[in-house]
Amino acid sequence: MPEPLFPGIPNPKKRKLLARIAQTGRLTVRGQKDDWSMHHTWMKNDPSYAAAYQEARKIAGDMLEAEAFRRAFGGSDTLVIFLLKAHKPELYRERLEHTGPGGAELVLTVRYAEPPPEDRPCLPPAS
């Protein structure tokens, strides 16, 4: 029999909520709206609950990652792209360079093919 999640949390309501978060990644479910407010009260007033919550999020994230890997290798190119960006950002992250080559100043020039009509100026009127 698997060991119960969060045995160091004595309150059964807290343990149940943490287990749900660990297994589903969700704090609230339909019909249990009071969980949200109780969770935030516990986060503020119970450091052991706050630490266990971080562990629950990590467990949920690990499960999500494992499922994403399973699906990615089953043929989902989109998931492969996201996983590569997450695990090898130095190679696959999106890049945006705000300087010119070699760190030089970047100068942008905007040219219009035709001037805008008089009744539709490019810039908003000064206030």
Protein backbone atom coordinates (compact mmCIF):
# COMPACT_ATOMS: atom_id res chain seq x y z
CA MET A 1 0.00 0.00 0.00
CA PRO A 2 1.46 3.40 -0.95
CA GLU A 3 2.43 5.77 1.82
CA PRO A 4 -0.15 8.54 2.34
CA LEU A 5 0.79 11.97 1.07
CA PHE A 6 1.84 14.63 3.60
CA PRO A 7 1.91 12.53 6.79
CA GLY A 8 3.51 15.49 8.62
CA ILE A 9 0.29 17.52 8.26
CA PRO A 10 -1.99 16.47 11.17
CA ASN A 11 -5.17 18.22 9.97
CA PRO A 12 -7.10 15.81 7.67
CA LYS A 13 -8.74 18.67 5.70
CA LYS A 14 -5.33 20.17 4.95
CA ARG A 15 -3.93 16.75 3.98
CA LYS A 16 -6.91 16.09 1.68
CA LEU A 17 -6.53 19.45 -0.06
CA LEU A 18 -2.77 19.01 -0.45
CA ALA A 19 -3.27 15.52 -1.88
CA ARG A 20 -5.76 16.88 -4.42
CA ILE A 21 -3.32 19.61 -5.44
CA ALA A 22 -0.51 17.05 -5.77
CA GLN A 23 -2.66 14.68 -7.85
CA THR A 24 -4.47 17.19 -10.06
CA GLY A 25 -2.60 20.50 -9.83
CA ARG A 26 -5.90 22.17 -8.93
CA LEU A 27 -6.73 24.06 -5.77
CA THR A 28 -10.48 24.20 -6.26
CA VAL A 29 -13.04 21.89 -7.74
CA ARG A 30 -16.70 22.43 -8.43
CA GLY A 31 -18.79 22.38 -5.29
CA GLN A 32 -15.92 23.04 -2.87
CA LYS A 33 -15.52 26.81 -3.03
CA ASP A 34 -14.48 27.19 0.61
CA ASP A 35 -11.19 25.39 -0.13
CA TRP A 36 -9.79 28.55 -1.73
CA SER A 37 -10.29 30.76 1.33
CA MET A 38 -9.16 28.04 3.76
CA HIS A 39 -6.04 27.46 1.65
CA HIS A 40 -5.07 31.14 1.76
CA THR A 41 -5.66 31.32 5.52
CA TRP A 42 -3.50 28.23 6.04
CA MET A 43 -0.79 29.61 3.72
CA LYS A 44 -0.64 32.78 5.81
CA ASN A 45 -0.78 31.17 9.25
CA ASP A 46 0.80 27.71 8.94
CA PRO A 47 4.41 27.51 7.68
CA SER A 48 4.32 23.69 7.56
CA TYR A 49 1.23 23.84 5.34
CA ALA A 50 2.91 26.44 3.09
CA ALA A 51 5.96 24.17 2.70
CA ALA A 52 3.75 21.15 2.01
CA TYR A 53 1.85 23.18 -0.60
CA GLN A 54 5.10 23.89 -2.44
CA GLU A 55 5.85 20.16 -2.37
CA ALA A 56 2.33 19.40 -3.68
CA ARG A 57 2.88 21.81 -6.58
CA LYS A 58 6.21 20.13 -7.34
CA ILE A 59 4.57 16.69 -7.34
CA ALA A 60 1.83 17.94 -9.68
CA GLY A 61 4.42 19.57 -11.94
CA ASP A 62 6.46 16.37 -12.10
CA MET A 63 3.34 14.37 -13.02
CA LEU A 64 2.43 16.91 -15.68
CA GLU A 65 5.95 16.82 -17.08
CA ALA A 66 5.92 13.01 -17.20
CA GLU A 67 2.59 13.04 -19.07
CA ALA A 68 3.89 15.71 -21.45
CA PHE A 69 6.96 13.58 -22.22
CA ARG A 70 4.75 10.54 -22.82
CA ARG A 71 2.55 12.49 -25.22
CA ALA A 72 5.47 14.25 -26.89
CA PHE A 73 7.12 10.97 -27.77
CA GLY A 74 3.76 9.72 -28.97
CA GLY A 75 3.79 12.29 -31.77
CA SER A 76 2.92 15.76 -30.44
CA ASP A 77 5.34 18.21 -32.01
CA THR A 78 3.93 21.09 -29.96
CA LEU A 79 4.67 19.35 -26.68
CA VAL A 80 8.18 18.50 -27.85
CA ILE A 81 8.77 22.19 -28.59
CA PHE A 82 7.58 23.28 -25.13
CA LEU A 83 9.62 20.58 -23.40
CA LEU A 84 12.77 21.56 -25.29
CA LYS A 85 12.24 25.21 -24.37
CA ALA A 86 11.78 24.24 -20.71
CA HIS A 87 14.68 21.81 -20.43
CA LYS A 88 17.22 23.35 -22.79
CA PRO A 89 16.44 27.06 -22.81
CA GLU A 90 19.98 27.96 -23.79
CA LEU A 91 19.32 26.29 -27.16
CA TYR A 92 15.56 26.52 -27.71
CA ARG A 93 14.21 29.58 -25.90
CA GLU A 94 12.78 32.39 -27.96
CA ARG A 95 15.31 35.15 -28.43
CA LEU A 96 14.76 38.84 -28.78
CA GLU A 97 17.80 41.04 -29.22
CA HIS A 98 17.39 44.69 -28.37
CA THR A 99 20.76 45.77 -29.70
CA GLY A 100 22.40 45.63 -33.08
CA PRO A 101 25.16 43.18 -34.00
CA GLY A 102 27.93 43.07 -31.41
CA GLY A 103 25.87 45.13 -28.98
CA ALA A 104 25.85 48.20 -31.23
CA GLU A 105 23.03 50.73 -31.01
CA LEU A 106 19.91 49.66 -32.85
CA VAL A 107 18.37 52.34 -35.04
CA LEU A 108 14.86 51.89 -36.38
CA THR A 109 13.55 53.90 -39.28
CA VAL A 110 9.90 53.86 -40.26
CA ARG A 111 8.98 54.83 -43.79
CA TYR A 112 5.49 54.95 -45.14
CA ALA A 113 4.79 53.97 -48.72
CA GLU A 114 2.31 56.83 -48.85
CA PRO A 115 1.72 59.63 -46.38
CA PRO A 116 -1.34 59.10 -44.20
CA PRO A 117 -4.51 60.91 -45.21
CA GLU A 118 -5.02 64.26 -43.53
CA ASP A 119 -8.07 63.01 -41.66
CA ARG A 120 -6.11 60.02 -40.25
CA PRO A 121 -2.82 61.26 -38.81
CA CYS A 122 -0.23 58.74 -37.61
CA LEU A 123 0.02 60.19 -34.12
CA PRO A 124 -2.79 61.06 -31.77
CA PRO A 125 -3.40 64.79 -31.36
CA ALA A 126 -1.45 66.44 -28.53
CA SER A 127 -3.57 67.08 -25.47
